[in-house]
Amino acid sequence: MFYPATKLIIITETFISDDVCKIIDDCGAKGYTLVPAGGKGLHHLHATAEKATVAEDFNNIKIEVVCSERKIAELIAGRILDECFLDYPGVMYLENVEIMRPVRF
């Protein structure tokens, strides 16, 4: 049996990932996944692990948070926008997903 849930995807600089993950924890999410990210953005090409960068901390990271309640995902996104993305670049979006074992989310 599957249950509806909301996945918040955050793409930002690795440099601020600790701050983002603290917000996620503070808002009551039960976990998150961190994945190196790369691609082309509004201003330039973002390196991946296969391409060297000047400083590793300026690589991008994708953080995925699955929440059984949409209001938690929205709370997390609002805090990240207010506390992190005023000074640092980032992208966030939501996806509707279906999960098994909702108690884990």
Protein backbone atom coordinates (compact mmCIF):
# COMPACT_ATOMS: atom_id res chain seq x y z
CA MET A 1 0.00 0.00 0.00
CA PHE A 2 1.28 3.45 -0.94
CA TYR A 3 0.46 6.76 0.73
CA PRO A 4 0.67 10.34 -0.58
CA ALA A 5 3.62 12.47 0.54
CA THR A 6 5.51 15.59 -0.53
CA LYS A 7 9.17 15.67 -1.56
CA LEU A 8 11.06 18.94 -1.19
CA ILE A 9 14.12 19.19 -3.42
CA ILE A 10 16.76 21.78 -2.52
CA ILE A 11 19.75 22.51 -4.75
CA THR A 12 22.38 24.82 -3.31
CA GLU A 13 26.08 25.16 -2.55
CA THR A 14 27.65 22.49 -0.37
CA PHE A 15 29.03 25.39 1.66
CA ILE A 16 25.64 25.96 3.36
CA SER A 17 24.40 22.35 3.49
CA ASP A 18 24.95 22.10 7.26
CA ASP A 19 22.69 25.13 7.81
CA VAL A 20 20.03 23.70 5.47
CA CYS A 21 20.14 20.29 7.18
CA LYS A 22 19.79 21.90 10.62
CA ILE A 23 16.62 23.68 9.44
CA ILE A 24 15.28 20.38 8.10
CA ASP A 25 15.90 18.72 11.48
CA ASP A 26 14.48 21.68 13.42
CA CYS A 27 11.24 21.55 11.39
CA GLY A 28 10.60 17.95 12.32
CA ALA A 29 11.51 16.05 9.17
CA LYS A 30 12.65 12.51 9.93
CA GLY A 31 15.52 12.46 7.44
CA TYR A 32 16.97 13.64 4.14
CA THR A 33 19.19 12.49 1.30
CA LEU A 34 22.29 14.36 0.09
CA VAL A 35 23.47 13.94 -3.51
CA PRO A 36 26.26 15.81 -5.36
CA ALA A 37 24.72 17.99 -8.05
CA GLY A 38 25.93 19.61 -11.23
CA GLY A 39 24.51 21.09 -14.39
CA LYS A 40 23.91 24.39 -16.08
CA GLY A 41 22.28 27.20 -14.13
CA LEU A 42 21.15 30.74 -14.82
CA HIS A 43 24.65 32.19 -14.51
CA HIS A 44 27.09 29.41 -15.45
CA LEU A 45 27.91 25.72 -15.65
CA HIS A 46 28.04 24.01 -12.24
CA ALA A 47 30.80 21.41 -11.96
CA THR A 48 30.20 17.79 -10.95
CA ALA A 49 32.57 15.33 -9.31
CA GLU A 50 34.10 14.54 -12.72
CA LYS A 51 35.15 18.17 -13.19
CA ALA A 52 37.55 19.82 -10.77
CA THR A 53 36.53 23.01 -9.01
CA VAL A 54 38.67 25.62 -7.30
CA ALA A 55 37.28 24.77 -3.86
CA GLU A 56 35.28 21.66 -3.02
CA ASP A 57 32.93 23.61 -0.72
CA PHE A 58 31.58 25.53 -3.71
CA ASN A 59 30.24 22.41 -5.42
CA ASN A 60 26.48 22.08 -5.54
CA ILE A 61 24.44 19.57 -3.60
CA LYS A 62 20.90 18.28 -3.97
CA ILE A 63 19.03 17.66 -0.73
CA GLU A 64 15.81 15.65 -0.89
CA VAL A 65 13.33 15.61 2.00
CA VAL A 66 10.22 13.43 1.88
CA CYS A 67 7.50 14.58 4.28
CA SER A 68 4.26 12.80 5.04
CA GLU A 69 2.66 16.24 5.52
CA ARG A 70 2.98 19.00 2.91
CA LYS A 71 2.91 21.69 5.62
CA ILE A 72 6.27 20.42 6.96
CA ALA A 73 7.85 20.66 3.49
CA GLU A 74 6.45 24.19 3.11
CA LEU A 75 7.76 25.19 6.57
CA ILE A 76 11.23 23.90 5.70
CA ALA A 77 11.22 25.71 2.35
CA GLY A 78 10.10 28.98 3.93
CA ARG A 79 12.83 28.89 6.55
CA ILE A 80 15.53 28.02 4.00
CA LEU A 81 14.36 30.86 1.78
CA ASP A 82 14.44 33.35 4.68
CA GLU A 83 17.57 32.11 6.47
CA CYS A 84 19.83 30.87 3.66
CA PHE A 85 18.78 31.99 0.19
CA LEU A 86 18.89 35.72 0.91
CA ASP A 87 22.69 35.49 0.92
CA TYR A 88 23.38 32.32 -1.09
CA PRO A 89 22.00 30.91 -4.36
CA GLY A 90 19.64 28.00 -4.40
CA VAL A 91 16.64 26.38 -6.03
CA MET A 92 13.74 24.58 -4.35
CA TYR A 93 10.73 22.73 -5.70
CA LEU A 94 8.08 20.27 -4.51
CA GLU A 95 6.96 16.97 -5.99
CA ASN A 96 3.99 14.83 -5.06
CA VAL A 97 5.21 11.30 -4.35
CA GLU A 98 3.82 8.06 -2.97
CA ILE A 99 5.54 6.26 -0.13
CA MET A 100 5.33 2.99 1.73
CA ARG A 101 5.58 2.95 5.53
CA PRO A 102 4.50 6.56 6.21
CA VAL A 103 5.66 6.28 9.82
CA ARG A 104 9.24 6.59 8.47
CA PHE A 105 8.48 10.00 6.93
